[in-house]
mmCIF file of all heavy atoms, coordinates in Angstrom:
data_MODEL
# 
_entry.id   MODEL 
# 
loop_
_atom_site.group_PDB 
_atom_site.id 
_atom_site.type_symbol 
_atom_site.label_atom_id 
_atom_site.label_alt_id 
_atom_site.label_comp_id 
_atom_site.label_asym_id 
_atom_site.label_entity_id 
_atom_site.label_seq_id 
_atom_site.pdbx_PDB_ins_code 
_atom_site.Cartn_x 
_atom_site.Cartn_y 
_atom_site.Cartn_z 
_atom_site.occupancy 
_atom_site.B_iso_or_equiv 
_atom_site.pdbx_formal_charge 
_atom_site.auth_seq_id 
_atom_site.auth_comp_id 
_atom_site.auth_asym_id 
_atom_site.auth_atom_id 
_atom_site.pdbx_PDB_model_num 
ATOM 1   N N   . LEU A 1 1  ? 0.864   -1.178 0.000  1.00 0.00 ? 1  LEU A N   1 
ATOM 2   C CA  . LEU A 1 1  ? 0.000   0.000  0.000  1.00 0.00 ? 1  LEU A CA  1 
ATOM 3   C C   . LEU A 1 1  ? 0.901   1.229  0.000  1.00 0.00 ? 1  LEU A C   1 
ATOM 4   O O   . LEU A 1 1  ? 1.849   1.302  0.774  1.00 0.00 ? 1  LEU A O   1 
ATOM 5   C CB  . LEU A 1 1  ? -0.893  0.010  1.245  1.00 0.00 ? 1  LEU A CB  1 
ATOM 6   C CG  . LEU A 1 1  ? -1.715  -1.261 1.502  1.00 0.00 ? 1  LEU A CG  1 
ATOM 7   C CD1 . LEU A 1 1  ? -2.315  -1.222 2.888  1.00 0.00 ? 1  LEU A CD1 1 
ATOM 8   C CD2 . LEU A 1 1  ? -2.791  -1.386 0.458  1.00 0.00 ? 1  LEU A CD2 1 
ATOM 9   N N   . THR A 1 2  ? 0.606   2.205  -0.865 1.00 0.00 ? 2  THR A N   1 
ATOM 10  C CA  . THR A 1 2  ? 1.446   3.391  -0.982 1.00 0.00 ? 2  THR A CA  1 
ATOM 11  C C   . THR A 1 2  ? 0.651   4.644  -0.650 1.00 0.00 ? 2  THR A C   1 
ATOM 12  O O   . THR A 1 2  ? -0.450  4.831  -1.164 1.00 0.00 ? 2  THR A O   1 
ATOM 13  C CB  . THR A 1 2  ? 2.028   3.504  -2.405 1.00 0.00 ? 2  THR A CB  1 
ATOM 14  O OG1 . THR A 1 2  ? 2.743   2.298  -2.693 1.00 0.00 ? 2  THR A OG1 1 
ATOM 15  C CG2 . THR A 1 2  ? 2.968   4.679  -2.522 1.00 0.00 ? 2  THR A CG2 1 
ATOM 16  N N   . LEU A 1 3  ? 1.220   5.489  0.217  1.00 0.00 ? 3  LEU A N   1 
ATOM 17  C CA  . LEU A 1 3  ? 0.628   6.785  0.534  1.00 0.00 ? 3  LEU A CA  1 
ATOM 18  C C   . LEU A 1 3  ? 1.643   7.867  0.184  1.00 0.00 ? 3  LEU A C   1 
ATOM 19  O O   . LEU A 1 3  ? 2.842   7.671  0.356  1.00 0.00 ? 3  LEU A O   1 
ATOM 20  C CB  . LEU A 1 3  ? 0.290   6.877  2.026  1.00 0.00 ? 3  LEU A CB  1 
ATOM 21  C CG  . LEU A 1 3  ? -0.930  6.076  2.459  1.00 0.00 ? 3  LEU A CG  1 
ATOM 22  C CD1 . LEU A 1 3  ? -0.502  4.779  3.090  1.00 0.00 ? 3  LEU A CD1 1 
ATOM 23  C CD2 . LEU A 1 3  ? -1.751  6.864  3.415  1.00 0.00 ? 3  LEU A CD2 1 
ATOM 24  N N   . THR A 1 4  ? 1.150   9.012  -0.286 1.00 0.00 ? 4  THR A N   1 
ATOM 25  C CA  . THR A 1 4  ? 2.055   10.111 -0.660 1.00 0.00 ? 4  THR A CA  1 
ATOM 26  C C   . THR A 1 4  ? 2.441   10.918 0.575  1.00 0.00 ? 4  THR A C   1 
ATOM 27  O O   . THR A 1 4  ? 1.788   10.835 1.612  1.00 0.00 ? 4  THR A O   1 
ATOM 28  C CB  . THR A 1 4  ? 1.382   11.045 -1.676 1.00 0.00 ? 4  THR A CB  1 
ATOM 29  O OG1 . THR A 1 4  ? 0.258   11.666 -1.045 1.00 0.00 ? 4  THR A OG1 1 
ATOM 30  C CG2 . THR A 1 4  ? 0.942   10.297 -2.924 1.00 0.00 ? 4  THR A CG2 1 
ATOM 31  N N   . GLY A 1 5  ? 3.476   11.731 0.435  1.00 0.00 ? 5  GLY A N   1 
ATOM 32  C CA  . GLY A 1 5  ? 3.906   12.600 1.528  1.00 0.00 ? 5  GLY A CA  1 
ATOM 33  C C   . GLY A 1 5  ? 2.825   13.594 1.910  1.00 0.00 ? 5  GLY A C   1 
ATOM 34  O O   . GLY A 1 5  ? 2.695   13.957 3.080  1.00 0.00 ? 5  GLY A O   1 
ATOM 35  N N   . ASP A 1 6  ? 2.010   14.052 0.937  1.00 0.00 ? 6  ASP A N   1 
ATOM 36  C CA  . ASP A 1 6  ? 0.905   14.975 1.230  1.00 0.00 ? 6  ASP A CA  1 
ATOM 37  C C   . ASP A 1 6  ? -0.138  14.318 2.121  1.00 0.00 ? 6  ASP A C   1 
ATOM 38  O O   . ASP A 1 6  ? -0.732  14.959 2.977  1.00 0.00 ? 6  ASP A O   1 
ATOM 39  C CB  . ASP A 1 6  ? 0.231   15.451 -0.070 1.00 0.00 ? 6  ASP A CB  1 
ATOM 40  C CG  . ASP A 1 6  ? 1.150   16.330 -0.894 1.00 0.00 ? 6  ASP A CG  1 
ATOM 41  O OD1 . ASP A 1 6  ? 2.129   16.863 -0.331 1.00 0.00 ? 6  ASP A OD1 1 
ATOM 42  O OD2 . ASP A 1 6  ? 0.878   16.484 -2.103 1.00 0.00 ? 6  ASP A OD2 1 
ATOM 43  N N   . MET A 1 7  ? -0.397  13.024 1.902  1.00 0.00 ? 7  MET A N   1 
ATOM 44  C CA  . MET A 1 7  ? -1.384  12.302 2.711  1.00 0.00 ? 7  MET A CA  1 
ATOM 45  C C   . MET A 1 7  ? -0.921  12.186 4.161  1.00 0.00 ? 7  MET A C   1 
ATOM 46  O O   . MET A 1 7  ? -1.729  12.227 5.076  1.00 0.00 ? 7  MET A O   1 
ATOM 47  C CB  . MET A 1 7  ? -1.625  10.899 2.147  1.00 0.00 ? 7  MET A CB  1 
ATOM 48  C CG  . MET A 1 7  ? -2.332  10.841 0.840  1.00 0.00 ? 7  MET A CG  1 
ATOM 49  S SD  . MET A 1 7  ? -2.354  9.124  0.289  1.00 0.00 ? 7  MET A SD  1 
ATOM 50  C CE  . MET A 1 7  ? -3.528  9.202  -1.036 1.00 0.00 ? 7  MET A CE  1 
ATOM 51  N N   . LEU A 1 8  ? 0.382   12.042 4.362  1.00 0.00 ? 8  LEU A N   1 
ATOM 52  C CA  . LEU A 1 8  ? 0.917   11.827 5.709  1.00 0.00 ? 8  LEU A CA  1 
ATOM 53  C C   . LEU A 1 8  ? 1.244   13.111 6.448  1.00 0.00 ? 8  LEU A C   1 
ATOM 54  O O   . LEU A 1 8  ? 1.136   13.164 7.665  1.00 0.00 ? 8  LEU A O   1 
ATOM 55  C CB  . LEU A 1 8  ? 2.169   10.947 5.640  1.00 0.00 ? 8  LEU A CB  1 
ATOM 56  C CG  . LEU A 1 8  ? 1.955   9.538  5.121  1.00 0.00 ? 8  LEU A CG  1 
ATOM 57  C CD1 . LEU A 1 8  ? 3.276   8.807  5.048  1.00 0.00 ? 8  LEU A CD1 1 
ATOM 58  C CD2 . LEU A 1 8  ? 0.986   8.787  5.994  1.00 0.00 ? 8  LEU A CD2 1 
ATOM 59  N N   . GLY A 1 9  ? 1.668   14.157 5.727  1.00 0.00 ? 9  GLY A N   1 
ATOM 60  C CA  . GLY A 1 9  ? 2.029   15.413 6.379  1.00 0.00 ? 9  GLY A CA  1 
ATOM 61  C C   . GLY A 1 9  ? 3.220   15.207 7.306  1.00 0.00 ? 9  GLY A C   1 
ATOM 62  O O   . GLY A 1 9  ? 4.160   14.475 6.998  1.00 0.00 ? 9  GLY A O   1 
ATOM 63  N N   . ASP A 1 10 ? 3.191   15.844 8.474  1.00 0.00 ? 10 ASP A N   1 
ATOM 64  C CA  . ASP A 1 10 ? 4.292   15.746 9.438  1.00 0.00 ? 10 ASP A CA  1 
ATOM 65  C C   . ASP A 1 10 ? 4.394   14.370 10.083 1.00 0.00 ? 10 ASP A C   1 
ATOM 66  O O   . ASP A 1 10 ? 5.417   14.043 10.685 1.00 0.00 ? 10 ASP A O   1 
ATOM 67  C CB  . ASP A 1 10 ? 4.143   16.804 10.536 1.00 0.00 ? 10 ASP A CB  1 
ATOM 68  C CG  . ASP A 1 10 ? 4.466   18.200 10.017 1.00 0.00 ? 10 ASP A CG  1 
ATOM 69  O OD1 . ASP A 1 10 ? 5.111   18.310 8.956  1.00 0.00 ? 10 ASP A OD1 1 
ATOM 70  O OD2 . ASP A 1 10 ? 4.055   19.179 10.670 1.00 0.00 ? 10 ASP A OD2 1 
ATOM 71  N N   . GLU A 1 11 ? 3.344   13.571 9.970  1.00 0.00 ? 11 GLU A N   1 
ATOM 72  C CA  . GLU A 1 11 ? 3.370   12.231 10.565 1.00 0.00 ? 11 GLU A CA  1 
ATOM 73  C C   . GLU A 1 11 ? 4.435   11.345 9.925  1.00 0.00 ? 11 GLU A C   1 
ATOM 74  O O   . GLU A 1 11 ? 4.856   10.368 10.504 1.00 0.00 ? 11 GLU A O   1 
ATOM 75  C CB  . GLU A 1 11 ? 1.994   11.564 10.438 1.00 0.00 ? 11 GLU A CB  1 
ATOM 76  C CG  . GLU A 1 11 ? 0.940   12.207 11.293 1.00 0.00 ? 11 GLU A CG  1 
ATOM 77  C CD  . GLU A 1 11 ? -0.426  11.553 11.141 1.00 0.00 ? 11 GLU A CD  1 
ATOM 78  O OE1 . GLU A 1 11 ? -0.697  10.950 10.078 1.00 0.00 ? 11 GLU A OE1 1 
ATOM 79  O OE2 . GLU A 1 11 ? -1.212  11.649 12.085 1.00 0.00 ? 11 GLU A OE2 1 
ATOM 80  N N   . ARG A 1 12 ? 4.901   11.701 8.719  1.00 0.00 ? 12 ARG A N   1 
ATOM 81  C CA  . ARG A 1 12 ? 5.931   10.888 8.048  1.00 0.00 ? 12 ARG A CA  1 
ATOM 82  C C   . ARG A 1 12 ? 7.233   10.870 8.861  1.00 0.00 ? 12 ARG A C   1 
ATOM 83  O O   . ARG A 1 12 ? 8.028   9.960  8.736  1.00 0.00 ? 12 ARG A O   1 
ATOM 84  C CB  . ARG A 1 12 ? 6.164   11.376 6.633  1.00 0.00 ? 12 ARG A CB  1 
ATOM 85  C CG  . ARG A 1 12 ? 6.840   12.707 6.526  1.00 0.00 ? 12 ARG A CG  1 
ATOM 86  C CD  . ARG A 1 12 ? 6.982   13.177 5.080  1.00 0.00 ? 12 ARG A CD  1 
ATOM 87  N NE  . ARG A 1 12 ? 7.724   14.402 4.999  1.00 0.00 ? 12 ARG A NE  1 
ATOM 88  C CZ  . ARG A 1 12 ? 7.246   15.607 5.286  1.00 0.00 ? 12 ARG A CZ  1 
ATOM 89  N NH1 . ARG A 1 12 ? 5.991   15.735 5.670  1.00 0.00 ? 12 ARG A NH1 1 
ATOM 90  N NH2 . ARG A 1 12 ? 8.000   16.680 5.198  1.00 0.00 ? 12 ARG A NH2 1 
ATOM 91  N N   . LEU A 1 13 ? 7.417   11.879 9.739  1.00 0.00 ? 13 LEU A N   1 
ATOM 92  C CA  . LEU A 1 13 ? 8.623   11.927 10.570 1.00 0.00 ? 13 LEU A CA  1 
ATOM 93  C C   . LEU A 1 13 ? 8.598   10.903 11.706 1.00 0.00 ? 13 LEU A C   1 
ATOM 94  O O   . LEU A 1 13 ? 9.568   10.755 12.434 1.00 0.00 ? 13 LEU A O   1 
ATOM 95  C CB  . LEU A 1 13 ? 8.814   13.337 11.134 1.00 0.00 ? 13 LEU A CB  1 
ATOM 96  C CG  . LEU A 1 13 ? 9.088   14.422 10.095 1.00 0.00 ? 13 LEU A CG  1 
ATOM 97  C CD1 . LEU A 1 13 ? 9.091   15.796 10.737 1.00 0.00 ? 13 LEU A CD1 1 
ATOM 98  C CD2 . LEU A 1 13 ? 10.400  14.166 9.360  1.00 0.00 ? 13 LEU A CD2 1 
ATOM 99  N N   . LEU A 1 14 ? 7.482   10.204 11.866 1.00 0.00 ? 14 LEU A N   1 
ATOM 100 C CA  . LEU A 1 14 ? 7.369   9.170  12.898 1.00 0.00 ? 14 LEU A CA  1 
ATOM 101 C C   . LEU A 1 14 ? 7.658   7.778  12.346 1.00 0.00 ? 14 LEU A C   1 
ATOM 102 O O   . LEU A 1 14 ? 7.696   6.812  13.085 1.00 0.00 ? 14 LEU A O   1 
ATOM 103 C CB  . LEU A 1 14 ? 5.953   9.180  13.501 1.00 0.00 ? 14 LEU A CB  1 
ATOM 104 C CG  . LEU A 1 14 ? 5.557   10.424 14.283 1.00 0.00 ? 14 LEU A CG  1 
ATOM 105 C CD1 . LEU A 1 14 ? 4.078   10.384 14.622 1.00 0.00 ? 14 LEU A CD1 1 
ATOM 106 C CD2 . LEU A 1 14 ? 6.383   10.542 15.547 1.00 0.00 ? 14 LEU A CD2 1 
ATOM 107 N N   . LEU A 1 15 ? 7.835   7.668  11.028 1.00 0.00 ? 15 LEU A N   1 
ATOM 108 C CA  . LEU A 1 15 ? 7.981   6.358  10.391 1.00 0.00 ? 15 LEU A CA  1 
ATOM 109 C C   . LEU A 1 15 ? 9.402   5.818  10.502 1.00 0.00 ? 15 LEU A C   1 
ATOM 110 O O   . LEU A 1 15 ? 10.357  6.469  10.096 1.00 0.00 ? 15 LEU A O   1 
ATOM 111 C CB  . LEU A 1 15 ? 7.582   6.447  8.919  1.00 0.00 ? 15 LEU A CB  1 
ATOM 112 C CG  . LEU A 1 15 ? 6.111   6.710  8.656  1.00 0.00 ? 15 LEU A CG  1 
ATOM 113 C CD1 . LEU A 1 15 ? 5.866   6.970  7.180  1.00 0.00 ? 15 LEU A CD1 1 
ATOM 114 C CD2 . LEU A 1 15 ? 5.263   5.545  9.131  1.00 0.00 ? 15 LEU A CD2 1 
ATOM 115 N N   . VAL A 1 16 ? 9.514   4.615  11.055 1.00 0.00 ? 16 VAL A N   1 
ATOM 116 C CA  . VAL A 1 16 ? 10.777  3.882  11.101 1.00 0.00 ? 16 VAL A CA  1 
ATOM 117 C C   . VAL A 1 16 ? 10.524  2.485  10.541 1.00 0.00 ? 16 VAL A C   1 
ATOM 118 O O   . VAL A 1 16 ? 9.386   2.022  10.526 1.00 0.00 ? 16 VAL A O   1 
ATOM 119 C CB  . VAL A 1 16 ? 11.362  3.791  12.533 1.00 0.00 ? 16 VAL A CB  1 
ATOM 120 C CG1 . VAL A 1 16 ? 11.880  5.122  13.002 1.00 0.00 ? 16 VAL A CG1 1 
ATOM 121 C CG2 . VAL A 1 16 ? 10.358  3.233  13.502 1.00 0.00 ? 16 VAL A CG2 1 
ATOM 122 N N   . ASP A 1 17 ? 11.586  1.821  10.093 1.00 0.00 ? 17 ASP A N   1 
ATOM 123 C CA  . ASP A 1 17 ? 11.446  0.489  9.500  1.00 0.00 ? 17 ASP A CA  1 
ATOM 124 C C   . ASP A 1 17 ? 10.689  -0.465 10.418 1.00 0.00 ? 17 ASP A C   1 
ATOM 125 O O   . ASP A 1 17 ? 10.893  -0.488 11.631 1.00 0.00 ? 17 ASP A O   1 
ATOM 126 C CB  . ASP A 1 17 ? 12.822  -0.107 9.200  1.00 0.00 ? 17 ASP A CB  1 
ATOM 127 C CG  . ASP A 1 17 ? 13.535  0.637  8.082  1.00 0.00 ? 17 ASP A CG  1 
ATOM 128 O OD1 . ASP A 1 17 ? 12.866  1.414  7.370  1.00 0.00 ? 17 ASP A OD1 1 
ATOM 129 O OD2 . ASP A 1 17 ? 14.744  0.440  7.929  1.00 0.00 ? 17 ASP A OD2 1 
ATOM 130 N N   . ASN A 1 18 ? 9.810   -1.250 9.815  1.00 0.00 ? 18 ASN A N   1 
ATOM 131 C CA  . ASN A 1 18 ? 9.026   -2.297 10.478 1.00 0.00 ? 18 ASN A CA  1 
ATOM 132 C C   . ASN A 1 18 ? 8.047   -1.780 11.539 1.00 0.00 ? 18 ASN A C   1 
ATOM 133 O O   . ASN A 1 18 ? 7.605   -2.551 12.383 1.00 0.00 ? 18 ASN A O   1 
ATOM 134 C CB  . ASN A 1 18 ? 9.935   -3.367 11.076 1.00 0.00 ? 18 ASN A CB  1 
ATOM 135 C CG  . ASN A 1 18 ? 10.763  -4.049 10.020 1.00 0.00 ? 18 ASN A CG  1 
ATOM 136 O OD1 . ASN A 1 18 ? 10.277  -4.332 8.931  1.00 0.00 ? 18 ASN A OD1 1 
ATOM 137 N ND2 . ASN A 1 18 ? 12.026  -4.286 10.317 1.00 0.00 ? 18 ASN A ND2 1 
ATOM 138 N N   . LEU A 1 19 ? 7.700   -0.494 11.496 1.00 0.00 ? 19 LEU A N   1 
ATOM 139 C CA  . LEU A 1 19 ? 6.714   0.043  12.426 1.00 0.00 ? 19 LEU A CA  1 
ATOM 140 C C   . LEU A 1 19 ? 5.334   -0.486 12.038 1.00 0.00 ? 19 LEU A C   1 
ATOM 141 O O   . LEU A 1 19 ? 4.942   -0.419 10.876 1.00 0.00 ? 19 LEU A O   1 
ATOM 142 C CB  . LEU A 1 19 ? 6.706   1.576  12.374 1.00 0.00 ? 19 LEU A CB  1 
ATOM 143 C CG  . LEU A 1 19 ? 5.668   2.260  13.257 1.00 0.00 ? 19 LEU A CG  1 
ATOM 144 C CD1 . LEU A 1 19 ? 6.007   2.057  14.728 1.00 0.00 ? 19 LEU A CD1 1 
ATOM 145 C CD2 . LEU A 1 19 ? 5.583   3.735  12.940 1.00 0.00 ? 19 LEU A CD2 1 
ATOM 146 N N   . GLU A 1 20 ? 4.610   -1.030 13.020 1.00 0.00 ? 20 GLU A N   1 
ATOM 147 C CA  . GLU A 1 20 ? 3.262   -1.553 12.754 1.00 0.00 ? 20 GLU A CA  1 
ATOM 148 C C   . GLU A 1 20 ? 2.238   -0.450 12.968 1.00 0.00 ? 20 GLU A C   1 
ATOM 149 O O   . GLU A 1 20 ? 2.211   0.184  14.025 1.00 0.00 ? 20 GLU A O   1 
ATOM 150 C CB  . GLU A 1 20 ? 2.974   -2.756 13.640 1.00 0.00 ? 20 GLU A CB  1 
ATOM 151 C CG  . GLU A 1 20 ? 3.843   -3.947 13.266 1.00 0.00 ? 20 GLU A CG  1 
ATOM 152 C CD  . GLU A 1 20 ? 3.469   -5.219 13.994 1.00 0.00 ? 20 GLU A CD  1 
ATOM 153 O OE1 . GLU A 1 20 ? 2.382   -5.285 14.606 1.00 0.00 ? 20 GLU A OE1 1 
ATOM 154 O OE2 . GLU A 1 20 ? 4.281   -6.151 13.941 1.00 0.00 ? 20 GLU A OE2 1 
ATOM 155 N N   . VAL A 1 21 ? 1.424   -0.209 11.947 1.00 0.00 ? 21 VAL A N   1 
ATOM 156 C CA  . VAL A 1 21 ? 0.398   0.840  11.962 1.00 0.00 ? 21 VAL A CA  1 
ATOM 157 C C   . VAL A 1 21 ? -0.912  0.275  11.427 1.00 0.00 ? 21 VAL A C   1 
ATOM 158 O O   . VAL A 1 21 ? -0.971  -0.878 10.989 1.00 0.00 ? 21 VAL A O   1 
ATOM 159 C CB  . VAL A 1 21 ? 0.826   2.059  11.097 1.00 0.00 ? 21 VAL A CB  1 
ATOM 160 C CG1 . VAL A 1 21 ? 2.059   2.732  11.659 1.00 0.00 ? 21 VAL A CG1 1 
ATOM 161 C CG2 . VAL A 1 21 ? 1.047   1.651  9.647  1.00 0.00 ? 21 VAL A CG2 1 
ATOM 162 N N   . GLN A 1 22 ? -1.947  1.094  11.444 1.00 0.00 ? 22 GLN A N   1 
ATOM 163 C CA  . GLN A 1 22 ? -3.226  0.759  10.813 1.00 0.00 ? 22 GLN A CA  1 
ATOM 164 C C   . GLN A 1 22 ? -3.373  1.672  9.602  1.00 0.00 ? 22 GLN A C   1 
ATOM 165 O O   . GLN A 1 22 ? -3.324  2.890  9.750  1.00 0.00 ? 22 GLN A O   1 
ATOM 166 C CB  . GLN A 1 22 ? -4.392  1.019  11.783 1.00 0.00 ? 22 GLN A CB  1 
ATOM 167 C CG  . GLN A 1 22 ? -4.369  0.198  13.046 1.00 0.00 ? 22 GLN A CG  1 
ATOM 168 C CD  . GLN A 1 22 ? -4.896  -1.206 12.806 1.00 0.00 ? 22 GLN A CD  1 
ATOM 169 O OE1 . GLN A 1 22 ? -5.805  -1.427 12.046 1.00 0.00 ? 22 GLN A OE1 1 
ATOM 170 N NE2 . GLN A 1 22 ? -4.279  -2.168 13.480 1.00 0.00 ? 22 GLN A NE2 1 
ATOM 171 N N   . VAL A 1 23 ? -3.521  1.107  8.413  1.00 0.00 ? 23 VAL A N   1 
ATOM 172 C CA  . VAL A 1 23 ? -3.752  1.910  7.210  1.00 0.00 ? 23 VAL A CA  1 
ATOM 173 C C   . VAL A 1 23 ? -5.250  2.020  7.011  1.00 0.00 ? 23 VAL A C   1 
ATOM 174 O O   . VAL A 1 23 ? -5.969  1.018  7.036  1.00 0.00 ? 23 VAL A O   1 
ATOM 175 C CB  . VAL A 1 23 ? -3.079  1.279  5.967  1.00 0.00 ? 23 VAL A CB  1 
ATOM 176 C CG1 . VAL A 1 23 ? -3.461  2.036  4.709  1.00 0.00 ? 23 VAL A CG1 1 
ATOM 177 C CG2 . VAL A 1 23 ? -1.574  1.267  6.134  1.00 0.00 ? 23 VAL A CG2 1 
ATOM 178 N N   . GLN A 1 24 ? -5.705  3.252  6.833  1.00 0.00 ? 24 GLN A N   1 
ATOM 179 C CA  . GLN A 1 24 ? -7.125  3.510  6.637  1.00 0.00 ? 24 GLN A CA  1 
ATOM 180 C C   . GLN A 1 24 ? -7.416  3.543  5.142  1.00 0.00 ? 24 GLN A C   1 
ATOM 181 O O   . GLN A 1 24 ? -6.754  4.258  4.391  1.00 0.00 ? 24 GLN A O   1 
ATOM 182 C CB  . GLN A 1 24 ? -7.471  4.864  7.260  1.00 0.00 ? 24 GLN A CB  1 
ATOM 183 C CG  . GLN A 1 24 ? -8.758  4.884  7.972  1.00 0.00 ? 24 GLN A CG  1 
ATOM 184 C CD  . GLN A 1 24 ? -8.874  6.157  8.796  1.00 0.00 ? 24 GLN A CD  1 
ATOM 185 O OE1 . GLN A 1 24 ? -8.239  7.156  8.552  1.00 0.00 ? 24 GLN A OE1 1 
ATOM 186 N NE2 . GLN A 1 24 ? -9.731  6.098  9.775  1.00 0.00 ? 24 GLN A NE2 1 
ATOM 187 N N   . LYS A 1 25 ? -8.384  2.739  4.719  1.00 0.00 ? 25 LYS A N   1 
ATOM 188 C CA  . LYS A 1 25 ? -8.770  2.703  3.307  1.00 0.00 ? 25 LYS A CA  1 
ATOM 189 C C   . LYS A 1 25 ? -10.177 3.264  3.162  1.00 0.00 ? 25 LYS A C   1 
ATOM 190 O O   . LYS A 1 25 ? -11.054 2.968  3.973  1.00 0.00 ? 25 LYS A O   1 
ATOM 191 C CB  . LYS A 1 25 ? -8.765  1.270  2.785  1.00 0.00 ? 25 LYS A CB  1 
ATOM 192 C CG  . LYS A 1 25 ? -7.413  0.639  2.626  1.00 0.00 ? 25 LYS A CG  1 
ATOM 193 C CD  . LYS A 1 25 ? -7.601  -0.767 2.083  1.00 0.00 ? 25 LYS A CD  1 
ATOM 194 C CE  . LYS A 1 25 ? -6.327  -1.382 1.616  1.00 0.00 ? 25 LYS A CE  1 
ATOM 195 N NZ  . LYS A 1 25 ? -6.570  -2.710 1.019  1.00 0.00 ? 25 LYS A NZ  1 
# 
């Protein structure tokens, strides 16, 4: 699943390898 930087905003600064999240579709 791919999200753009615009979709994530500043939250992209919280992303580290193998971080488990919930993707909203």
